Amino acid sequence: MGFMGGSFNTREYFHGASDATLVAVRMFFMLAVFAIPVALLAASNAMQSAYLPMLAFLVQYVGLLAERWYFFTEGKHPQNLYYQTVG
Protein backbone atom coordinates (compact mmCIF):
# COMPACT_ATOMS: atom_id res chain seq x y z
CA MET A 1 0.00 0.00 0.00
CA GLY A 2 2.87 2.39 0.63
CA PHE A 3 3.68 4.65 3.50
CA MET A 4 2.39 7.90 2.01
CA GLY A 5 -0.68 6.82 0.06
CA GLY A 6 -2.42 4.28 -2.12
CA SER A 7 -0.90 2.25 -4.89
CA PHE A 8 -1.70 1.67 -8.54
CA ASN A 9 -3.48 -1.57 -7.66
CA THR A 10 -5.85 0.02 -5.16
CA ARG A 11 -6.73 2.84 -7.56
CA GLU A 12 -7.04 0.69 -10.69
CA TYR A 13 -9.02 -2.27 -9.34
CA PHE A 14 -11.41 -0.56 -6.94
CA HIS A 15 -14.63 0.91 -8.35
CA GLY A 16 -15.81 2.89 -5.31
CA ALA A 17 -19.50 2.17 -5.92
CA SER A 18 -21.75 1.58 -2.93
CA ASP A 19 -23.74 -1.59 -2.34
CA ALA A 20 -26.94 0.29 -3.15
CA THR A 21 -25.50 1.26 -6.55
CA LEU A 22 -24.60 -2.34 -7.29
CA VAL A 23 -28.14 -3.48 -6.42
CA ALA A 24 -29.65 -0.75 -8.62
CA VAL A 25 -27.40 -1.68 -11.56
CA ARG A 26 -28.27 -5.35 -11.11
CA MET A 27 -32.00 -4.62 -11.20
CA PHE A 28 -31.55 -2.32 -14.20
CA PHE A 29 -29.68 -4.86 -16.32
CA MET A 30 -32.05 -7.68 -15.38
CA LEU A 31 -34.95 -5.61 -16.68
CA ALA A 32 -33.08 -4.18 -19.67
CA VAL A 33 -31.67 -7.51 -20.85
CA PHE A 34 -34.69 -9.75 -20.33
CA ALA A 35 -38.06 -8.22 -19.42
CA ILE A 36 -38.20 -5.03 -21.49
CA PRO A 37 -37.00 -6.57 -24.80
CA VAL A 38 -39.51 -9.42 -24.47
CA ALA A 39 -42.31 -6.93 -23.79
CA LEU A 40 -41.22 -4.79 -26.74
CA LEU A 41 -41.13 -7.80 -29.06
CA ALA A 42 -44.56 -8.90 -27.90
CA ALA A 43 -45.90 -5.39 -28.49
CA SER A 44 -44.23 -5.38 -31.90
CA ASN A 45 -46.07 -8.54 -32.88
CA ALA A 46 -49.37 -7.16 -31.60
CA MET A 47 -49.00 -3.75 -33.27
CA GLN A 48 -47.06 -5.00 -36.33
CA SER A 49 -44.42 -2.33 -35.77
CA ALA A 50 -41.06 -2.40 -37.51
CA TYR A 51 -39.42 -0.04 -35.01
CA LEU A 52 -40.07 -1.83 -31.73
CA PRO A 53 -37.62 -4.70 -32.48
CA MET A 54 -34.90 -2.11 -33.12
CA LEU A 55 -35.75 -0.43 -29.82
CA ALA A 56 -35.65 -3.84 -28.11
CA PHE A 57 -32.17 -4.39 -29.53
CA LEU A 58 -30.94 -1.01 -28.25
CA VAL A 59 -32.41 -1.55 -24.78
CA GLN A 60 -30.85 -5.00 -24.56
CA TYR A 61 -27.48 -3.68 -25.76
CA VAL A 62 -27.42 -1.01 -23.05
CA GLY A 63 -28.45 -3.66 -20.51
CA LEU A 64 -25.59 -5.91 -21.58
CA LEU A 65 -23.12 -3.03 -21.17
CA ALA A 66 -24.44 -2.50 -17.65
CA GLU A 67 -24.08 -6.24 -16.98
CA ARG A 68 -20.42 -6.14 -18.02
CA TRP A 69 -19.74 -3.21 -15.68
CA TYR A 70 -21.53 -5.05 -12.88
CA PHE A 71 -19.53 -8.22 -13.54
CA PHE A 72 -16.21 -6.46 -13.13
CA THR A 73 -17.24 -4.41 -10.09
CA GLU A 74 -18.73 -7.44 -8.37
CA GLY A 75 -15.51 -9.40 -8.87
CA LYS A 76 -13.21 -10.00 -5.93
CA HIS A 77 -9.81 -9.03 -7.29
CA PRO A 78 -6.86 -10.57 -5.41
CA GLN A 79 -5.21 -7.15 -5.04
CA ASN A 80 -8.23 -5.75 -3.21
CA LEU A 81 -8.54 -8.81 -0.99
CA TYR A 82 -4.86 -8.52 -0.07
CA TYR A 83 -4.95 -4.79 0.62
CA GLN A 84 -8.14 -5.10 2.66
CA THR A 85 -6.45 -7.59 4.97
CA VAL A 86 -3.18 -5.62 5.16
CA GLY A 87 -4.80 -2.18 5.57
PDB file of N, CA and C in Angstrom:
ATOM      1  N   MET A   1       0.825  -1.179   0.000  1.00  0.00           N
ATOM      2  CA  MET A   1       0.000   0.000   0.000  1.00  0.00           C
ATOM      3  C   MET A   1       0.870   1.244   0.000  1.00  0.00           C
ATOM      4  N   GLY A   2       2.004   1.220   0.596  1.00  0.00           N
ATOM      5  CA  GLY A   2       2.873   2.388   0.628  1.00  0.00           C
ATOM      6  C   GLY A   2       2.699   3.164   1.921  1.00  0.00           C
ATOM      7  N   PHE A   3       3.727   3.894   2.255  1.00  0.00           N
ATOM      8  CA  PHE A   3       3.684   4.649   3.502  1.00  0.00           C
ATOM      9  C   PHE A   3       2.920   5.958   3.356  1.00  0.00           C
ATOM     10  N   MET A   4       2.961   6.559   2.191  1.00  0.00           N
ATOM     11  CA  MET A   4       2.389   7.897   2.012  1.00  0.00           C
ATOM     12  C   MET A   4       1.027   7.897   1.314  1.00  0.00           C
ATOM     13  N   GLY A   5       0.593   6.804   0.752  1.00  0.00           N
ATOM     14  CA  GLY A   5      -0.684   6.820   0.058  1.00  0.00           C
ATOM     15  C   GLY A   5      -0.989   5.489  -0.570  1.00  0.00           C
ATOM     16  N   GLY A   6      -1.990   5.500  -1.448  1.00  0.00           N
ATOM     17  CA  GLY A   6      -2.418   4.283  -2.116  1.00  0.00           C
ATOM     18  C   GLY A   6      -1.444   3.871  -3.205  1.00  0.00           C
ATOM     19  N   SER A   7      -1.739   2.763  -3.816  1.00  0.00           N
ATOM     20  CA  SER A   7      -0.899   2.250  -4.888  1.00  0.00           C
ATOM     21  C   SER A   7      -1.710   2.171  -6.175  1.00  0.00           C
ATOM     22  N   PHE A   8      -1.035   1.831  -7.257  1.00  0.00           N
ATOM     23  CA  PHE A   8      -1.699   1.669  -8.542  1.00  0.00           C
ATOM     24  C   PHE A   8      -2.796   0.616  -8.443  1.00  0.00           C
ATOM     25  N   ASN A   9      -2.514  -0.475  -7.757  1.00  0.00           N
ATOM     26  CA  ASN A   9      -3.482  -1.568  -7.656  1.00  0.00           C
ATOM     27  C   ASN A   9      -4.761  -1.142  -6.954  1.00  0.00           C
ATOM     28  N   THR A  10      -4.636  -0.376  -5.877  1.00  0.00           N
ATOM     29  CA  THR A  10      -5.850   0.021  -5.164  1.00  0.00           C
ATOM     30  C   THR A  10      -6.650   1.045  -5.958  1.00  0.00           C
ATOM     31  N   ARG A  11      -5.994   1.872  -6.748  1.00  0.00           N
ATOM     32  CA  ARG A  11      -6.727   2.839  -7.564  1.00  0.00           C
ATOM     33  C   ARG A  11      -7.328   2.179  -8.802  1.00  0.00           C
ATOM     34  N   GLU A  12      -6.614   1.263  -9.413  1.00  0.00           N
ATOM     35  CA  GLU A  12      -7.044   0.685 -10.690  1.00  0.00           C
ATOM     36  C   GLU A  12      -8.148  -0.359 -10.527  1.00  0.00           C
ATOM     37  N   TYR A  13      -8.108  -1.135  -9.465  1.00  0.00           N
ATOM     38  CA  TYR A  13      -9.022  -2.269  -9.338  1.00  0.00           C
ATOM     39  C   TYR A  13     -10.138  -2.047  -8.335  1.00  0.00           C
ATOM     40  N   PHE A  14     -10.320  -0.825  -7.876  1.00  0.00           N
ATOM     41  CA  PHE A  14     -11.411  -0.555  -6.942  1.00  0.00           C
ATOM     42  C   PHE A  14     -12.365   0.433  -7.578  1.00  0.00           C
ATOM     43  N   HIS A  15     -13.647   0.100  -7.636  1.00  0.00           N
ATOM     44  CA  HIS A  15     -14.632   0.908  -8.351  1.00  0.00           C
ATOM     45  C   HIS A  15     -15.210   2.016  -7.498  1.00  0.00           C
ATOM     46  N   GLY A  16     -15.283   1.853  -6.188  1.00  0.00           N
ATOM     47  CA  GLY A  16     -15.810   2.885  -5.307  1.00  0.00           C
ATOM     48  C   GLY A  16     -17.320   2.998  -5.270  1.00  0.00           C
ATOM     49  N   ALA A  17     -18.034   2.108  -5.920  1.00  0.00           N
ATOM     50  CA  ALA A  17     -19.503   2.167  -5.919  1.00  0.00           C
ATOM     51  C   ALA A  17     -20.040   1.543  -4.639  1.00  0.00           C
ATOM     52  N   SER A  18     -21.144   2.105  -4.156  1.00  0.00           N
ATOM     53  CA  SER A  18     -21.747   1.578  -2.934  1.00  0.00           C
ATOM     54  C   SER A  18     -22.540   0.305  -3.237  1.00  0.00           C
ATOM     55  N   ASP A  19     -22.932  -0.381  -2.170  1.00  0.00           N
ATOM     56  CA  ASP A  19     -23.736  -1.595  -2.344  1.00  0.00           C
ATOM     57  C   ASP A  19     -25.102  -1.268  -2.943  1.00  0.00           C
ATOM     58  N   ALA A  20     -25.649  -0.108  -2.592  1.00  0.00           N
ATOM     59  CA  ALA A  20     -26.943   0.295  -3.150  1.00  0.00           C
ATOM     60  C   ALA A  20     -26.832   0.520  -4.659  1.00  0.00           C
ATOM     61  N   THR A  21     -25.710   1.059  -5.107  1.00  0.00           N
ATOM     62  CA  THR A  21     -25.502   1.261  -6.546  1.00  0.00           C
ATOM     63  C   THR A  21     -25.421  -0.076  -7.267  1.00  0.00           C
ATOM     64  N   LEU A  22     -24.720  -1.024  -6.674  1.00  0.00           N
ATOM     65  CA  LEU A  22     -24.605  -2.342  -7.295  1.00  0.00           C
ATOM     66  C   LEU A  22     -25.968  -3.026  -7.398  1.00  0.00           C
ATOM     67  N   VAL A  23     -26.804  -2.889  -6.383  1.00  0.00           N
ATOM     68  CA  VAL A  23     -28.139  -3.482  -6.424  1.00  0.00           C
ATOM     69  C   VAL A  23     -28.980  -2.806  -7.501  1.00  0.00           C
ATOM     70  N   ALA A  24     -28.878  -1.473  -7.599  1.00  0.00           N
ATOM     71  CA  ALA A  24     -29.650  -0.751  -8.619  1.00  0.00           C
ATOM     72  C   ALA A  24     -29.207  -1.139 -10.025  1.00  0.00           C
ATOM     73  N   VAL A  25     -27.904  -1.283 -10.237  1.00  0.00           N
ATOM     74  CA  VAL A  25     -27.402  -1.679 -11.562  1.00  0.00           C
ATOM     75  C   VAL A  25     -27.837  -3.103 -11.884  1.00  0.00           C
ATOM     76  N   ARG A  26     -27.827  -3.980 -10.884  1.00  0.00           N
ATOM     77  CA  ARG A  26     -28.268  -5.355 -11.110  1.00  0.00           C
ATOM     78  C   ARG A  26     -29.734  -5.399 -11.523  1.00  0.00           C
ATOM     79  N   MET A  27     -30.580  -4.639 -10.835  1.00  0.00           N
ATOM     80  CA  MET A  27     -31.997  -4.616 -11.195  1.00  0.00           C
ATOM     81  C   MET A  27     -32.196  -4.000 -12.582  1.00  0.00           C
ATOM     82  N   PHE A  28     -31.425  -2.957 -12.892  1.00  0.00           N
ATOM     83  CA  PHE A  28     -31.549  -2.324 -14.200  1.00  0.00           C
ATOM     84  C   PHE A  28     -31.201  -3.299 -15.321  1.00  0.00           C
ATOM     85  N   PHE A  29     -30.057  -3.987 -15.194  1.00  0.00           N
ATOM     86  CA  PHE A  29     -29.684  -4.855 -16.315  1.00  0.00           C
ATOM     87  C   PHE A  29     -30.565  -6.090 -16.404  1.00  0.00           C
ATOM     88  N   MET A  30     -31.118  -6.550 -15.290  1.00  0.00           N
ATOM     89  CA  MET A  30     -32.050  -7.679 -15.380  1.00  0.00           C
ATOM     90  C   MET A  30     -33.307  -7.283 -16.159  1.00  0.00           C
ATOM     91  N   LEU A  31     -33.789  -6.080 -15.930  1.00  0.00           N
ATOM     92  CA  LEU A  31     -34.950  -5.606 -16.680  1.00  0.00           C
ATOM     93  C   LEU A  31     -34.592  -5.302 -18.125  1.00  0.00           C
ATOM     94  N   ALA A  32     -33.455  -4.634 -18.332  1.00  0.00           N
ATOM     95  CA  ALA A  32     -33.084  -4.180 -19.673  1.00  0.00           C
ATOM     96  C   ALA A  32     -32.647  -5.324 -20.582  1.00  0.00           C
ATOM     97  N   VAL A  33     -32.145  -6.392 -20.016  1.00  0.00           N
ATOM     98  CA  VAL A  33     -31.673  -7.506 -20.849  1.00  0.00           C
ATOM     99  C   VAL A  33     -32.791  -8.505 -21.124  1.00  0.00           C
ATOM    100  N   PHE A  34     -33.689  -8.694 -20.175  1.00  0.00           N
ATOM    101  CA  PHE A  34     -34.685  -9.747 -20.333  1.00  0.00           C
ATOM    102  C   PHE A  34     -36.112  -9.226 -20.481  1.00  0.00           C
ATOM    103  N   ALA A  35     -36.627  -8.543 -19.480  1.00  0.00           N
ATOM    104  CA  ALA A  35     -38.062  -8.221 -19.422  1.00  0.00           C
ATOM    105  C   ALA A  35     -38.490  -7.194 -20.473  1.00  0.00           C
ATOM    106  N   ILE A  36     -37.779  -6.094 -20.566  1.00  0.00           N
ATOM    107  CA  ILE A  36     -38.196  -5.030 -21.485  1.00  0.00           C
ATOM    108  C   ILE A  36     -38.104  -5.465 -22.953  1.00  0.00           C
ATOM    109  N   PRO A  37     -37.010  -6.112 -23.400  1.00  0.00           N
ATOM    110  CA  PRO A  37     -37.004  -6.566 -24.801  1.00  0.00           C
ATOM    111  C   PRO A  37     -38.114  -7.571 -25.133  1.00  0.00           C
ATOM    112  N   VAL A  38     -38.426  -8.465 -24.220  1.00  0.00           N
ATOM    113  CA  VAL A  38     -39.511  -9.422 -24.468  1.00  0.00           C
ATOM    114  C   VAL A  38     -40.839  -8.677 -24.596  1.00  0.00           C
ATOM    115  N   ALA A  39     -41.062  -7.705 -23.709  1.00  0.00           N
ATOM    116  CA  ALA A  39     -42.307  -6.933 -23.791  1.00  0.00           C
ATOM    117  C   ALA A  39     -42.362  -6.129 -25.085  1.00  0.00           C
ATOM    118  N   LEU A  40     -41.240  -5.559 -25.492  1.00  0.00           N
ATOM    119  CA  LEU A  40     -41.221  -4.790 -26.742  1.00  0.00           C
ATOM    120  C   LEU A  40     -41.462  -5.687 -27.961  1.00  0.00           C
ATOM    121  N   LEU A  41     -40.897  -6.878 -27.951  1.00  0.00           N
ATOM    122  CA  LEU A  41     -41.129  -7.803 -29.064  1.00  0.00           C
ATOM    123  C   LEU A  41     -42.578  -8.285 -29.105  1.00  0.00           C
ATOM    124  N   ALA A  42     -43.157  -8.512 -27.936  1.00  0.00           N
ATOM    125  CA  ALA A  42     -44.565  -8.902 -27.901  1.00  0.00           C
ATOM    126  C   ALA A  42     -45.449  -7.766 -28.404  1.00  0.00           C
ATOM    127  N   ALA A  43     -45.132  -6.546 -28.005  1.00  0.00           N
ATOM    128  CA  ALA A  43     -45.901  -5.393 -28.492  1.00  0.00           C
ATOM    129  C   ALA A  43     -45.694  -5.197 -29.985  1.00  0.00           C
ATOM    130  N   SER A  44     -44.505  -5.491 -30.468  1.00  0.00           N
ATOM    131  CA  SER A  44     -44.227  -5.376 -31.899  1.00  0.00           C
ATOM    132  C   SER A  44     -45.081  -6.346 -32.697  1.00  0.00           C
ATOM    133  N   ASN A  45     -45.220  -7.559 -32.196  1.00  0.00           N
ATOM    134  CA  ASN A  45     -46.072  -8.542 -32.882  1.00  0.00           C
ATOM    135  C   ASN A  45     -47.540  -8.131 -32.843  1.00  0.00           C
ATOM    136  N   ALA A  46     -47.972  -7.560 -31.727  1.00  0.00           N
ATOM    137  CA  ALA A  46     -49.368  -7.157 -31.604  1.00  0.00           C
ATOM    138  C   ALA A  46     -49.688  -5.944 -32.480  1.00  0.00           C
ATOM    139  N   MET A  47     -48.750  -4.994 -32.524  1.00  0.00           N
ATOM    140  CA  MET A  47     -48.997  -3.749 -33.271  1.00  0.00           C
ATOM    141  C   MET A  47     -48.434  -3.791 -34.687  1.00  0.00           C
ATOM    142  N   GLN A  48     -47.716  -4.847 -35.032  1.00  0.00           N
ATOM    143  CA  GLN A  48     -47.064  -4.995 -36.333  1.00  0.00           C
ATOM    144  C   GLN A  48     -46.168  -3.785 -36.632  1.00  0.00           C
ATOM    145  N   SER A  49     -45.330  -3.469 -35.654  1.00  0.00           N
ATOM    146  CA  SER A  49     -44.423  -2.330 -35.773  1.00  0.00           C
ATOM    147  C   SER A  49     -43.046  -2.814 -36.199  1.00  0.00           C
ATOM    148  N   ALA A  50     -42.405  -2.052 -37.067  1.00  0.00           N
ATOM    149  CA  ALA A  50     -41.057  -2.400 -37.508  1.00  0.00           C
ATOM    150  C   ALA A  50     -39.996  -1.748 -36.628  1.00  0.00           C
ATOM    151  N   TYR A  51     -40.388  -0.786 -35.801  1.00  0.00           N
ATOM    152  CA  TYR A  51     -39.416  -0.036 -35.006  1.00  0.00           C
ATOM    153  C   TYR A  51     -39.222  -0.597 -33.600  1.00  0.00           C
ATOM    154  N   LEU A  52     -40.199  -1.284 -33.084  1.00  0.00           N
ATOM    155  CA  LEU A  52     -40.068  -1.829 -31.733  1.00  0.00           C
ATOM    156  C   LEU A  52     -38.979  -2.896 -31.617  1.00  0.00           C
ATOM    157  N   PRO A  53     -38.759  -3.774 -32.599  1.00  0.00           N
ATOM    158  CA  PRO A  53     -37.624  -4.702 -32.476  1.00  0.00           C
ATOM    159  C   PRO A  53     -36.272  -3.982 -32.445  1.00  0.00           C
ATOM    160  N   MET A  54     -36.149  -2.886 -33.171  1.00  0.00           N
ATOM    161  CA  MET A  54     -34.904  -2.111 -33.116  1.00  0.00           C
ATOM    162  C   MET A  54     -34.722  -1.475 -31.738  1.00  0.00           C
ATOM    163  N   LEU A  55     -35.817  -0.990 -31.164  1.00  0.00           N
ATOM    164  CA  LEU A  55     -35.754  -0.430 -29.815  1.00  0.00           C
ATOM    165  C   LEU A  55     -35.414  -1.515 -28.799  1.00  0.00           C
ATOM    166  N   ALA A  56     -35.967  -2.715 -28.998  1.00  0.00           N
ATOM    167  CA  ALA A  56     -35.648  -3.837 -28.109  1.00  0.00           C
ATOM    168  C   ALA A  56     -34.165  -4.173 -28.179  1.00  0.00           C
ATOM    169  N   PHE A  57     -33.600  -4.137 -29.379  1.00  0.00           N
ATOM    170  CA  PHE A  57     -32.165  -4.391 -29.535  1.00  0.00           C
ATOM    171  C   PHE A  57     -31.346  -3.351 -28.788  1.00  0.00           C
ATOM    172  N   LEU A  58     -31.694  -2.081 -28.926  1.00  0.00           N
ATOM    173  CA  LEU A  58     -30.940  -1.015 -28.254  1.00  0.00           C
ATOM    174  C   LEU A  58     -31.037  -1.120 -26.734  1.00  0.00           C
ATOM    175  N   VAL A  59     -32.227  -1.405 -26.233  1.00  0.00           N
ATOM    176  CA  VAL A  59     -32.407  -1.549 -24.780  1.00  0.00           C
ATOM    177  C   VAL A  59     -31.587  -2.729 -24.268  1.00  0.00           C
ATOM    178  N   GLN A  60     -31.616  -3.833 -24.995  1.00  0.00           N
ATOM    179  CA  GLN A  60     -30.851  -5.000 -24.561  1.00  0.00           C
ATOM    180  C   GLN A  60     -29.353  -4.741 -24.633  1.00  0.00           C
ATOM    181  N   TYR A  61     -28.902  -4.001 -25.631  1.00  0.00           N
ATOM    182  CA  TYR A  61     -27.481  -3.681 -25.763  1.00  0.00           C
ATOM    183  C   TYR A  61     -27.004  -2.840 -24.581  1.00  0.00           C
ATOM    184  N   VAL A  62     -27.773  -1.844 -24.204  1.00  0.00           N
ATOM    185  CA  VAL A  62     -27.420  -1.014 -23.047  1.00  0.00           C
ATOM    186  C   VAL A  62     -27.437  -1.862 -21.772  1.00  0.00           C
ATOM    187  N   GLY A  63     -28.399  -2.766 -21.659  1.00  0.00           N
ATOM    188  CA  GLY A  63     -28.450  -3.656 -20.507  1.00  0.00           C
ATOM    189  C   GLY A  63     -27.240  -4.572 -20.428  1.00  0.00           C
ATOM    190  N   LEU A  64     -26.774  -5.042 -21.575  1.00  0.00           N
ATOM    191  CA  LEU A  64     -25.589  -5.907 -21.577  1.00  0.00           C
ATOM    192  C   LEU A  64     -24.324  -5.126 -21.219  1.00  0.00           C
ATOM    193  N   LEU A  65     -24.244  -3.867 -21.603  1.00  0.00           N
ATOM    194  CA  LEU A  65     -23.117  -3.032 -21.171  1.00  0.00           C
ATOM    195  C   LEU A  65     -23.131  -2.847 -19.655  1.00  0.00           C
ATOM    196  N   ALA A  66     -24.319  -2.628 -19.098  1.00  0.00           N
ATOM    197  CA  ALA A  66     -24.443  -2.502 -17.646  1.00  0.00           C
ATOM    198  C   ALA A  66     -24.075  -3.814 -16.955  1.00  0.00           C
ATOM    199  N   GLU A  67     -24.426  -4.933 -17.571  1.00  0.00           N
ATOM    200  CA  GLU A  67     -24.076  -6.240 -16.982  1.00  0.00           C
ATOM    201  C   GLU A  67     -22.576  -6.449 -16.951  1.00  0.00           C
ATOM    202  N   ARG A  68     -21.887  -6.021 -17.991  1.00  0.00           N
ATOM    203  CA  ARG A  68     -20.422  -6.145 -18.018  1.00  0.00           C
ATOM    204  C   ARG A  68     -19.791  -5.297 -16.930  1.00  0.00           C
ATOM    205  N   TRP A  69     -20.268  -4.069 -16.741  1.00  0.00           N
ATOM    206  CA  TRP A  69     -19.739  -3.214 -15.682  1.00  0.00           C
ATOM    207  C   TRP A  69     -19.989  -3.863 -14.330  1.00  0.00           C
ATOM    208  N   TYR A  70     -21.184  -4.399 -14.136  1.00  0.00           N
ATOM    209  CA  TYR A  70     -21.526  -5.053 -12.877  1.00  0.00           C
ATOM    210  C   TYR A  70     -20.638  -6.268 -12.628  1.00  0.00           C
ATOM    211  N   PHE A  71     -20.367  -7.035 -13.670  1.00  0.00           N
ATOM    212  CA  PHE A  71     -19.529  -8.225 -13.539  1.00  0.00           C
ATOM    213  C   PHE A  71     -18.147  -7.863 -13.009  1.00  0.00           C
ATOM    214  N   PHE A  72     -17.558  -6.813 -13.553  1.00  0.00           N
ATOM    215  CA  PHE A  72     -16.209  -6.455 -13.133  1.00  0.00           C
ATOM    216  C   PHE A  72     -16.179  -5.746 -11.788  1.00  0.00           C
ATOM    217  N   THR A  73     -17.230  -5.033 -11.412  1.00  0.00           N
ATOM    218  CA  THR A  73     -17.236  -4.413 -10.091  1.00  0.00           C
ATOM    219  C   THR A  73     -17.580  -5.404  -9.001  1.00  0.00           C
ATOM    220  N   GLU A  74     -18.353  -6.419  -9.339  1.00  0.00           N
ATOM    221  CA  GLU A  74     -18.730  -7.435  -8.365  1.00  0.00           C
ATOM    222  C   GLU A  74     -17.563  -8.387  -8.082  1.00  0.00           C
ATOM    223  N   GLY A  75     -16.624  -8.470  -9.006  1.00  0.00           N
ATOM    224  CA  GLY A  75     -15.506  -9.398  -8.871  1.00  0.00           C
ATOM    225  C   GLY A  75     -14.628  -9.103  -7.667  1.00  0.00           C
ATOM    226  N   LYS A  76     -14.107 -10.131  -7.075  1.00  0.00           N
ATOM    227  CA  LYS A  76     -13.207 -10.004  -5.933  1.00  0.00           C
ATOM    228  C   LYS A  76     -11.770 -10.135  -6.447  1.00  0.00           C
ATOM    229  N   HIS A  77     -11.160  -9.008  -6.756  1.00  0.00           N
ATOM    230  CA  HIS A  77      -9.807  -9.025  -7.287  1.00  0.00           C
ATOM    231  C   HIS A  77      -8.821  -9.362  -6.168  1.00  0.00           C
ATOM    232  N   PRO A  78      -7.825 -10.197  -6.437  1.00  0.00           N
ATOM    233  CA  PRO A  78      -6.859 -10.573  -5.407  1.00  0.00           C
ATOM    234  C   PRO A  78      -6.143  -9.367  -4.791  1.00  0.00           C
ATOM    235  N   GLN A  79      -5.881  -8.328  -5.587  1.00  0.00           N
ATOM    236  CA  GLN A  79      -5.215  -7.152  -5.043  1.00  0.00           C
ATOM    237  C   GLN A  79      -6.064  -6.514  -3.944  1.00  0.00           C
ATOM    238  N   ASN A  80      -7.364  -6.371  -4.201  1.00  0.00           N
ATOM    239  CA  ASN A  80      -8.231  -5.750  -3.209  1.00  0.00           C
ATOM    240  C   ASN A  80      -8.363  -6.618  -1.968  1.00  0.00           C
ATOM    241  N   LEU A  81      -8.456  -7.916  -2.152  1.00  0.00           N
ATOM    242  CA  LEU A  81      -8.543  -8.808  -0.994  1.00  0.00           C
ATOM    243  C   LEU A  81      -7.279  -8.711  -0.144  1.00  0.00           C
ATOM    244  N   TYR A  82      -6.113  -8.635  -0.797  1.00  0.00           N
ATOM    245  CA  TYR A  82      -4.859  -8.518  -0.070  1.00  0.00           C
ATOM    246  C   TYR A  82      -4.779  -7.193   0.675  1.00  0.00           C
ATOM    247  N   TYR A  83      -5.083  -6.100  -0.012  1.00  0.00           N
ATOM    248  CA  TYR A  83      -4.950  -4.791   0.619  1.00  0.00           C
ATOM    249  C   TYR A  83      -6.005  -4.554   1.688  1.00  0.00           C
ATOM    250  N   GLN A  84      -7.148  -5.220   1.597  1.00  0.00           N
ATOM    251  CA  GLN A  84      -8.138  -5.101   2.657  1.00  0.00           C
ATOM    252  C   GLN A  84      -7.660  -5.783   3.929  1.00  0.00           C
ATOM    253  N   THR A  85      -6.938  -6.893   3.782  1.00  0.00           N
ATOM    254  CA  THR A  85      -6.454  -7.591   4.973  1.00  0.00           C
ATOM    255  C   THR A  85      -5.217  -6.906   5.534  1.00  0.00           C
ATOM    256  N   VAL A  86      -4.390  -6.315   4.684  1.00  0.00           N
ATOM    257  CA  VAL A  86      -3.184  -5.623   5.162  1.00  0.00           C
ATOM    258  C   VAL A  86      -3.555  -4.298   5.784  1.00  0.00           C
ATOM    259  N   GLY A  87      -4.448  -3.537   5.114  1.00  0.00           N
ATOM    260  CA  GLY A  87      -4.800  -2.185   5.571  1.00  0.00           C
ATOM    261  C   GLY A  87      -5.840  -2.277   6.586  1.00  0.00           C
TER     262      GLY A  87
END
